[in-house]
Every structure is written in structure tokens, then in C-alpha cells.
Protein backbone atom coordinates (compact mmCIF):
# COMPACT_ATOMS: atom_id res chain seq x y z
CA MET A 1 19.69 7.12 15.58
CA SER A 2 18.33 8.09 18.97
CA GLU A 3 18.37 5.48 21.71
CA PRO A 4 14.58 5.26 22.25
CA TYR A 5 14.30 3.34 18.98
CA GLN A 6 16.74 0.63 19.95
CA GLN A 7 14.72 -2.55 20.45
CA ARG A 8 14.74 -6.17 19.39
CA PRO A 9 15.13 -6.20 15.58
CA LEU A 10 12.60 -7.91 13.37
CA PRO A 11 13.63 -11.46 12.46
CA ILE A 12 14.85 -12.22 8.95
CA LEU A 13 12.96 -14.87 7.01
CA ALA A 14 14.88 -18.04 6.24
CA ARG A 15 15.95 -18.62 2.66
CA GLU A 16 13.41 -21.40 2.19
CA GLU A 17 10.64 -19.13 3.50
CA ILE A 18 11.63 -16.41 1.05
CA GLY A 19 11.61 -19.04 -1.70
CA GLU A 20 7.92 -19.70 -1.00
CA LEU A 21 6.97 -16.07 -1.64
CA LYS A 22 5.84 -14.72 -4.98
CA PRO A 23 8.97 -13.66 -6.88
CA ALA A 24 7.74 -10.06 -7.08
CA LEU A 25 7.40 -9.94 -3.28
CA ALA A 26 10.76 -11.60 -2.67
CA ASP A 27 12.47 -9.02 -4.89
CA VAL A 28 13.08 -6.09 -2.54
CA ILE A 29 13.50 -3.54 -5.37
CA GLU A 30 10.66 -2.37 -7.59
CA TYR A 31 10.77 0.66 -9.86
CA ARG A 32 7.59 2.70 -9.60
CA LYS A 33 6.69 6.01 -11.14
CA SER A 34 7.31 7.86 -7.88
CA GLY A 35 10.68 6.20 -7.36
CA LEU A 36 12.88 3.17 -7.00
CA SER A 37 11.08 1.33 -4.21
CA LEU A 38 12.90 -0.58 -1.46
CA ASN A 39 10.76 -3.14 0.39
CA TRP A 40 12.92 -5.28 2.63
CA ILE A 41 10.15 -5.72 5.26
CA ILE A 42 6.86 -7.47 4.54
CA GLY A 43 3.79 -8.10 6.68
CA CYS A 44 1.19 -5.68 8.03
CA PRO A 45 -1.65 -5.95 10.58
CA LEU A 46 -3.70 -2.96 9.38
CA ASP A 47 -6.07 -5.00 7.14
CA CYS A 48 -7.12 -2.28 4.66
CA GLY A 49 -9.41 -4.14 2.25
CA TYR A 50 -8.04 -2.48 -0.87
CA CYS A 51 -4.37 -3.04 0.00
CA ILE A 52 -1.99 -3.79 -2.86
CA ARG A 53 -0.71 -6.72 -0.77
CA HIS A 54 -3.59 -8.78 -2.18
CA THR A 55 -1.75 -8.83 -5.51
CA PHE A 56 1.40 -10.18 -3.84
CA GLY A 57 -0.48 -13.01 -2.12
CA ASN A 58 0.59 -12.06 1.40
CA PHE A 59 -2.40 -10.16 2.76
CA GLU A 60 -2.68 -12.72 5.57
CA MET A 61 0.91 -12.06 6.66
CA LYS A 62 0.16 -9.80 9.64
CA ILE A 63 3.47 -9.83 11.50
CA PRO A 64 6.28 -7.84 9.82
CA ARG A 65 9.40 -9.77 8.90
CA ARG A 66 12.61 -8.75 7.13
CA LEU A 67 13.88 -10.28 3.91
CA MET A 68 17.41 -9.09 4.67
CA SER A 69 19.29 -6.89 7.11
CA ASP A 70 18.91 -3.12 6.95
CA GLU A 71 22.54 -2.70 5.87
CA GLU A 72 22.11 -5.28 3.12
CA ALA A 73 18.97 -3.49 1.97
CA VAL A 74 20.88 -0.22 1.59
CA THR A 75 23.62 -1.93 -0.39
CA THR A 76 21.06 -3.64 -2.63
CA LEU A 77 19.46 -0.28 -3.34
CA VAL A 78 22.54 1.80 -4.10
CA GLU A 79 24.09 -0.97 -6.22
CA HIS A 80 20.93 -1.43 -8.29
CA PRO A 81 21.57 -0.71 -11.99
CA TYR A 82 18.75 1.85 -12.08
CA PHE A 83 19.99 3.80 -9.05
CA ARG A 84 21.53 7.21 -9.77
CA PRO A 85 23.01 9.10 -6.80
CA HIS A 86 21.25 12.42 -6.16
CA THR A 87 18.81 11.84 -9.05
CA THR A 88 16.69 8.70 -8.71
CA PRO A 89 13.68 9.30 -6.46
CA LEU A 90 13.36 6.62 -3.78
CA GLN A 91 10.48 5.07 -1.86
CA LEU A 92 10.86 3.06 1.33
CA LEU A 93 8.44 0.34 2.50
CA ASN A 94 5.49 1.42 0.39
CA ARG A 95 3.92 -1.86 -0.71
CA ALA A 96 4.01 -4.57 1.96
CA THR A 97 3.93 -2.92 5.38
CA ASP A 98 3.50 0.46 7.05
CA PRO A 99 6.88 2.06 7.79
CA MET A 100 5.71 3.73 11.01
CA LEU A 101 4.51 0.58 12.76
CA PRO A 102 6.38 0.36 16.09
CA ALA A 103 8.32 -2.75 15.07
CA VAL A 104 9.14 -1.39 11.60
CA LYS A 105 10.18 2.24 12.11
CA PRO A 106 13.53 1.47 13.81
CA HIS A 107 14.54 -0.28 10.58
CA LEU A 108 13.18 2.60 8.48
CA PHE A 109 15.26 5.06 10.50
CA THR A 110 18.36 2.87 10.20
CA VAL A 111 18.11 2.79 6.41
CA LEU A 112 17.46 6.53 6.25
CA ARG A 113 20.49 7.12 8.44
CA HIS A 114 22.73 4.99 6.21
CA LEU A 115 21.51 6.72 3.03
CA ASP A 116 21.96 10.14 4.58
CA ALA A 117 25.45 9.28 5.81
CA ARG A 118 26.46 8.58 2.20
CA GLY A 119 25.74 12.25 1.42
CA LEU A 120 22.90 11.33 -0.94
CA THR A 121 20.46 14.10 -1.80
CA ASN A 122 17.88 11.91 -3.57
CA HIS A 123 14.21 12.47 -2.93
CA VAL A 124 13.00 9.84 -0.45
CA LEU A 125 9.27 9.18 -0.03
CA VAL A 126 7.85 7.49 3.06
CA ILE A 127 4.11 6.72 3.05
CA THR A 128 2.17 5.98 6.24
CA ARG A 129 -1.30 5.94 7.69
CA TRP A 130 -0.12 5.09 11.22
CA ARG A 131 0.90 7.07 14.29
CA VAL A 132 3.72 9.60 14.10
CA ASP A 133 4.74 11.43 17.27
CA ALA A 134 7.06 14.34 18.06
CA GLU A 135 9.93 11.97 18.83
CA ASP A 136 9.60 10.46 15.35
CA CYS A 137 9.65 13.96 13.87
CA ALA A 138 12.90 14.71 15.67
CA VAL A 139 14.49 11.69 13.99
CA LEU A 140 13.07 12.67 10.59
CA ASN A 141 14.48 16.18 11.02
CA SER A 142 17.93 14.80 11.82
CA PHE A 143 18.79 13.77 8.26
CA GLU A 144 20.90 16.46 6.66
CA ASN A 145 21.19 15.47 3.00
CA LEU A 146 18.15 13.48 1.87
CA ARG A 147 15.16 15.35 0.49
CA LEU A 148 12.68 13.52 2.67
CA THR A 149 8.91 13.62 2.28
CA VAL A 150 6.40 11.87 4.53
CA LEU A 151 3.09 11.26 2.78
CA VAL A 152 0.20 10.62 5.14
CA THR A 153 -2.52 8.44 3.62
CA HIS A 154 -5.97 9.68 4.66
CA SER A 155 -9.17 8.45 3.03
CA GLY A 156 -11.93 9.23 5.52
CA ILE A 157 -13.46 5.82 4.73
CA ASP A 158 -15.55 4.80 7.73
CA HIS A 159 -16.59 1.34 6.48
CA GLU A 160 -14.71 -0.78 9.03
CA ALA A 161 -14.58 -3.88 6.85
CA ILE A 162 -12.91 -1.90 4.06
CA GLU A 163 -10.66 0.22 6.25
CA PRO A 164 -10.44 -0.85 9.90
CA VAL A 165 -7.91 1.88 10.71
CA ASP A 166 -9.54 5.04 12.04
CA SER A 167 -8.69 7.90 9.66
CA GLN A 168 -8.32 10.15 12.69
CA ILE A 169 -4.98 8.43 13.36
CA ALA A 170 -3.67 9.66 10.03
CA ALA A 171 -5.17 13.11 10.59
CA GLN A 172 -3.36 13.46 13.91
CA SER A 173 -0.11 12.24 12.38
CA LEU A 174 -0.44 14.85 9.64
CA HIS A 175 -0.92 17.62 12.21
CA THR A 176 2.10 16.42 14.19
CA LEU A 177 4.34 16.09 11.16
CA TYR A 178 3.42 19.52 9.82
CA GLU A 179 3.87 21.19 13.19
CA HIS A 180 7.39 19.80 13.65
CA ALA A 181 8.63 19.88 10.05
CA GLU A 182 12.05 21.43 9.58
CA ARG A 183 14.20 19.44 7.17
CA TYR A 184 11.47 17.13 5.84
CA ARG A 185 8.14 17.92 4.16
CA THR A 186 4.75 16.31 4.67
CA ILE A 187 1.92 15.71 2.23
CA LEU A 188 -1.74 14.90 2.67
CA TYR A 189 -2.08 11.79 0.52
CA TRP A 190 -5.84 11.82 -0.03
CA ARG A 191 -6.60 8.33 -1.29
CA PRO A 192 -8.27 6.24 -2.43
CA ILE A 193 -11.22 8.40 -3.43
CA VAL A 194 -14.14 6.12 -4.31
CA PRO A 195 -17.46 7.62 -5.45
CA GLY A 196 -20.28 6.90 -3.01
CA LEU A 197 -17.86 5.76 -0.31
CA ASN A 198 -15.81 8.78 0.72
CA ASP A 199 -16.62 11.66 -1.60
CA SER A 200 -19.57 13.18 0.27
CA ASP A 201 -19.63 16.89 1.01
CA ALA A 202 -18.50 16.12 4.55
CA HIS A 203 -15.52 14.10 3.28
CA LEU A 204 -14.54 16.91 0.92
CA VAL A 205 -14.75 19.52 3.66
CA ARG A 206 -12.62 17.38 5.96
CA ALA A 207 -9.90 16.91 3.34
CA ARG A 208 -9.94 20.60 2.57
CA GLU A 209 -9.40 21.43 6.23
CA LEU A 210 -6.60 18.87 6.56
CA SER A 211 -4.84 20.39 3.55
CA ARG A 212 -3.97 23.40 5.70
CA HIS A 213 -1.73 21.11 7.77
CA ALA A 214 0.41 19.85 4.90
CA HIS A 215 2.93 21.31 2.50
CA ALA A 216 0.84 19.95 -0.38
CA THR A 217 -2.16 17.70 -1.03
CA VAL A 218 -2.23 14.91 -3.61
CA PHE A 219 -5.49 13.15 -4.48
CA THR A 220 -5.92 9.93 -6.38
CA GLY A 221 -8.22 6.97 -6.95
CA LEU A 222 -8.32 3.24 -6.31
CA PHE A 223 -6.07 0.48 -7.55
CA TYR A 224 -8.74 -2.15 -8.22
CA ARG A 225 -7.06 -5.31 -9.43
CA GLN A 226 -8.74 -8.71 -9.77
CA GLU A 227 -7.23 -10.00 -6.52
CA ILE A 228 -8.77 -7.05 -4.66
CA ALA A 229 -12.13 -7.57 -6.35
CA ASP A 230 -12.02 -11.23 -5.32
CA TYR A 231 -11.38 -10.21 -1.69
CA TYR A 232 -14.30 -7.76 -1.75
CA GLN A 233 -16.62 -10.40 -3.16
CA ALA A 234 -15.51 -13.11 -0.73
CA HIS A 235 -16.12 -10.80 2.25
CA GLY A 236 -19.42 -9.39 1.06
CA LEU A 237 -18.07 -5.87 0.63
CA PRO A 238 -19.76 -3.37 -1.67
CA MET A 239 -18.07 -3.64 -5.07
CA PRO A 240 -16.83 -0.17 -6.03
CA TYR A 241 -16.73 -0.84 -9.78
CA GLU A 242 -18.00 -3.46 -12.20
CA ASP A 243 -14.61 -3.89 -13.82
CA THR A 244 -11.00 -4.04 -12.65
CA ALA A 245 -8.19 -2.09 -14.24
CA ARG A 246 -4.40 -1.96 -14.58
CA ARG A 247 -4.31 1.73 -13.70
CA LYS A 248 -5.91 3.64 -10.83
CA ILE A 249 -9.61 4.38 -11.19
CA LEU A 250 -10.87 7.91 -10.54
CA PRO A 251 -13.98 8.81 -12.54
CA GLU A 252 -14.23 12.23 -14.12
CA VAL A 253 -17.20 13.22 -11.94
CA ALA A 254 -15.27 12.38 -8.76
CA GLU A 255 -12.29 14.44 -9.87
CA GLN A 256 -14.50 17.40 -10.65
CA ARG A 257 -16.10 17.22 -7.20
CA VAL A 258 -12.65 17.41 -5.65
CA LEU A 259 -11.61 20.35 -7.80
CA ASN A 260 -14.84 22.20 -7.09
CA ALA A 261 -14.42 21.65 -3.35
CA PHE A 262 -10.94 23.13 -3.37
CA ARG A 263 -11.84 25.98 -5.70
CA THR A 264 -8.33 25.71 -7.08
CA VAL A 265 -7.41 28.33 -9.65
CA GLY A 266 -3.62 28.10 -9.55
CA ASP A 267 -3.29 30.87 -6.97
CA VAL A 268 -1.48 30.18 -3.70
CA SER A 269 -3.58 32.85 -2.01
CA GLU A 270 -6.56 30.48 -2.02
CA PRO A 271 -7.65 29.51 1.50
CA TRP A 272 -6.88 25.80 1.06
CA GLY A 273 -3.61 23.97 0.56
CA ALA A 274 -2.05 23.49 -2.88
CA LEU A 275 -3.67 20.52 -4.67
CA PHE A 276 -2.04 18.17 -7.17
CA ARG A 277 -3.08 15.19 -9.27
CA LYS A 278 0.31 13.48 -9.23
CA THR A 279 2.51 12.43 -6.32
CA SER A 280 5.75 13.78 -7.77
CA CYS A 281 4.08 17.13 -8.45
CA GLY A 282 3.14 17.49 -4.79
CA VAL A 283 6.57 16.34 -3.60
CA ALA A 284 8.36 18.74 -5.93
CA TYR A 285 6.15 21.65 -4.86
CA ALA A 286 6.73 20.89 -1.18
CA HIS A 287 10.49 21.10 -1.74
CA GLY A 288 10.37 24.14 -4.02
CA GLU A 289 11.61 22.22 -7.06
CA ALA A 290 10.44 21.28 -10.53
CA ASP A 291 8.59 17.99 -10.97
CA TYR A 292 11.10 15.18 -11.50
CA ASN A 293 8.60 13.21 -13.60
CA GLY A 294 8.30 15.92 -16.26
CA HIS A 295 4.52 16.18 -16.05
CA PHE A 296 4.72 19.72 -17.40
CA GLY A 297 4.53 18.19 -20.88
CA VAL A 298 1.03 16.95 -20.09
CA ARG A 299 -0.32 20.48 -19.78
CA GLU A 300 -3.87 19.60 -18.73
CA LEU A 301 -2.38 18.18 -15.54
CA CYS A 302 -1.08 21.63 -14.65
CA ASP A 303 -4.31 23.63 -14.73
CA ILE A 304 -4.60 23.45 -10.92
CA CYS A 305 -0.95 24.22 -10.10
CA PRO A 306 0.22 27.43 -8.40
CA GLU A 307 1.78 29.89 -10.84
CA LYS A 308 5.18 29.80 -9.13
CA GLN A 309 5.29 26.02 -9.49
CA LEU A 310 4.37 26.23 -13.15
CA ALA A 311 7.28 28.62 -13.70
CA LEU A 312 9.70 26.24 -11.96
CA CYS A 313 8.54 23.26 -14.01
CA GLN A 314 8.56 25.18 -17.27
CA ALA A 315 12.13 26.36 -16.70
CA ALA A 316 13.33 22.80 -16.02
CA TRP A 317 11.33 21.09 -18.77
CA ILE A 318 13.59 20.65 -21.80
CA LYS A 319 12.85 18.33 -24.71
CA PRO A 320 15.75 15.86 -24.83
CA ASP A 321 17.82 15.08 -27.91
CA LEU A 322 16.23 12.34 -30.01
CA ALA A 323 19.50 10.64 -30.91
CA ASP A 324 20.58 10.54 -27.27
CA VAL A 325 17.21 9.19 -26.09
CA THR A 326 17.17 6.60 -28.88
CA GLU A 327 20.62 5.35 -27.90
CA SER A 328 19.60 5.11 -24.23
CA ALA A 329 16.30 3.39 -25.04
CA ARG A 330 17.98 0.88 -27.36
CA ALA A 331 20.50 0.03 -24.64
CA LEU A 332 17.57 -0.78 -22.36
CA GLY A 333 15.94 -3.04 -24.97
CA ALA A 334 13.55 -0.74 -26.82
CA THR A 335 12.24 -1.94 -30.16
CA GLY A 336 10.57 0.02 -32.94
CA PRO A 337 10.83 3.76 -33.48
CA VAL A 338 11.52 6.16 -30.61
CA GLU A 339 9.60 9.43 -30.78
CA ILE A 340 9.63 12.60 -28.71
CA SER A 341 6.47 14.68 -28.78
CA ASP A 342 5.73 17.86 -26.88
CA ARG A 343 4.17 15.62 -24.22
CA ALA A 344 6.39 12.58 -23.85
CA ILE A 345 9.05 10.20 -25.07
CA VAL A 346 7.22 7.31 -26.77
CA VAL A 347 8.85 3.89 -26.93
CA GLU A 348 8.06 0.26 -27.67
CA GLY A 349 9.29 -2.91 -26.03
CA LEU A 350 10.08 -1.45 -22.60
CA ASP A 351 8.15 -2.30 -19.47
CA GLU A 352 7.72 0.16 -16.62
CA PRO A 353 11.15 0.05 -14.86
CA PRO A 354 13.27 1.06 -17.88
CA ARG A 355 10.67 3.66 -18.89
CA TYR A 356 10.84 5.20 -15.43
CA TYR A 357 14.63 5.11 -15.62
CA LEU A 358 14.46 7.19 -18.80
CA GLN A 359 11.77 9.44 -17.36
CA HIS A 360 13.70 10.30 -14.23
CA GLY A 361 16.96 10.67 -16.13
CA TYR A 362 15.56 13.16 -18.63
CA GLY A 363 12.88 14.76 -16.46
CA TYR A 364 10.46 14.08 -19.32
CA GLN A 365 7.49 11.75 -19.48
CA CYS A 366 8.15 8.36 -21.11
CA HIS A 367 5.14 6.39 -22.39
CA ASP A 368 4.56 2.99 -23.95
CA ARG A 369 3.08 3.29 -27.44
CA GLU A 370 0.84 0.30 -26.71
CA LYS A 371 -0.57 1.85 -23.51
CA PRO A 372 -1.25 5.49 -24.38
CA HIS A 373 -2.14 8.16 -21.84
CA HIS A 374 -5.37 9.69 -23.07
CA TYR A 375 -6.10 13.39 -22.89
CA ARG A 376 -7.42 14.51 -19.47
CA GLN A 377 -7.44 10.98 -18.01
CA HIS A 378 -3.95 11.67 -16.66
CA GLY A 379 -2.79 8.07 -17.03
CA ARG A 380 -5.78 6.68 -15.17
CA ALA A 381 -8.08 3.83 -16.10
CA PRO A 382 -10.84 4.68 -18.62
CA ILE A 383 -13.58 3.64 -16.17
CA GLY A 384 -15.80 6.62 -15.45
CA TRP A 385 -14.62 8.71 -18.38
CA PRO A 386 -16.71 9.64 -21.44
CA THR A 387 -15.58 6.71 -23.59
CA GLN A 388 -13.68 3.54 -22.85
CA ASN A 389 -11.02 4.61 -25.35
CA GLY A 390 -10.55 8.08 -23.92
CA THR A 391 -10.11 11.28 -25.89
CA PRO A 392 -6.97 11.49 -28.01
CA ALA A 393 -4.40 14.03 -26.93
CA PRO A 394 -4.36 17.17 -29.08
């Protein structure tokens, strides 16, 4: 790591302090759809009203602190039972802080350096809405093995009580990252889109222009859990929806406005950047690879994808052997019958981490029979779609 980033390291919380945290926050590893997520630093001063930190009970923790050393964090990650070298997608510091905060990024770079030095070629996703300068880009370009992607969160929300951080900071970071990109890729992470808040014609035009300064654009809606709704209500903020949901909320009308604005027809010759509904689709496209989440099975997701990307995903998308999948699922604790449709592996009795383990191992969607993905909702909450039960998949 370059010398300019050597500074006083963040302190490590004492064991008794860690014991007072919610167990989910104290556990530095979480398996999410976009990757095995390492979160060894918690605390953030950016105060975005919709932040997922509300659900961990540490939104008021403004000063970043470590739960363990950077070296210990790397060891914890690579020794995790769900970690596969060169295969498992990884995420760093994506739930409890911003990785590019001045006090945090030296630790981010240290972990990236250690992972890269192991010769690992895993996808690594880093998500930020903060400042990235040319010096940071030089460090990001220095990693020789990791398939690194920096996703820049930009919403355009100008309601200061909901998002105090000026979106222009993210816009400038996106420009800088794209201009200096060599070994890494950068994505415009256009989120959260909330009808009536940041989906005006002006917001759409701005996102469309920013897409020219990214290797791909991914758009998505709002995680609106009860803890976030409680925060909105307590602070007199405009409630975006009447109900909360387990999955992200992006109404059908809002999605259609986005698609209309981009005029996406699956042709890379269009004047705007390539647009995707799913994070892994954008990451894969940016690196010239097939989607590691196997979304190709959910064909209605792909109607906005460039033709070359569709060909890549189709070539890599192979229905796995039922007996092999059944054996793997049973070993992870699956109950009931295991099925493999033309869209997904369907299991019972597995929560998200083991399902994602199967999904990333086979490159094929893996769904819970009790929580079906309805046709065209793309795994989103039913709020804002024609019926609360969704439309069955064909």
C-alpha cells in the first residue's frame, strides 16, 4: 500500500463492547446475494435516513470502529465455510460504514492487498457514496488478481433530512473512477429510486448522463424495513410507502419510467450506458463475463441486456444435475423435495446463506419454495405491482 494512506489505525472495540452489539452486527460475515460480505468496521457519520444500519440498531454510532484487526478479518473471510477461492463473490464494508471515508479506506486497502497477495481472483465489490480521488484510483488499480468493482451509490435525493450527503460528491467520484479505471471497473449504482422523491424527469436525465461515466448502470429500489419506517415517522419525514417489506420496493410504474428514459433495447449502440436490474448482472457485464448469479434463467430480467452479454450468459448457463444439487442441498440442511426448473433450483428449509452458496456454486438461481419470485417482479416486494400476490411465472 502506498505511504500516503499510513495513518493512525481505527481502534478495535473491546470484547465487552462487541458483546453489547446485536449479534448480526457483531458477526463480521454475512452472505448476501451479491457476495459473501465482510464487515469488520462499523460506524458511519453520513446519516442517510434510509440506511440499513437502522436494522442493526447502530445508526447513532457515527465514529467508525473495528471489530477486529484487518489481518484477522481476512483470515475470518477466507476460512469461512462458504468461501470458495476464485468463485465466491465478495463484498467489503457494505452495511455498516462507507469504505471510502478517510479513516476507513486505509483498512479497506489493507484487506484488498492481503486478498490480492493470496492470488485470489474472486469478484470483490466495494460500494461507496463518498469521495474518491486519483490517488485512491492508483491504489485500486494496483491489485493484480482480484476482479474489483467499485459501485458508486447515487440517488439524486435532495431532501436533506433523508439524505444529507450531496449527490454531487458521488457524481464526481464516479467521473474520477471511470477516468482512471485500468484494472478495476466502476458502476453507477442508481439507488434507492423512490417515486415522487427522485424519479422526476430531471432526475432521470441526470442518471442517464452519469451512465456515460460508468462501465454499467444498475438501478434498484428502497429497502423499507420497520426500523426505517419508525425512523421516518419519528423525524417527521415523508413516508414513502404505507407498508414495509422484506424485499426491496420498486413499483412497476417507477421501473417503466426508468426503462423509458434509457430507451434500452438491448443494443450497445444506444447513446446511454448499459442498464441492468441486478447488481451481479452489471458487475459481470463490466468485466466481460457471464452473470455469476445465473439470472439468465429468469428471462424477463434479460430483456434490457446487450446482445453480447446475453450470449455470454446463455453460454455459461447450464442446468445442474438434480442428484448432485439434491446431495449438496441436503448437506446444507434442506428439507422436502429439491426441484430444478428452467428458472431456478427450488428448495425448502434453507435460509439465504446456504441458498446463495448453492447459487454461486452452480451459477443458477436458487429460490425458497415458501418465498417465490413472481414473474416480472424480479424478486422485489409486491408493493406497487398489479396484485399483492404477483403474477405466477409461466
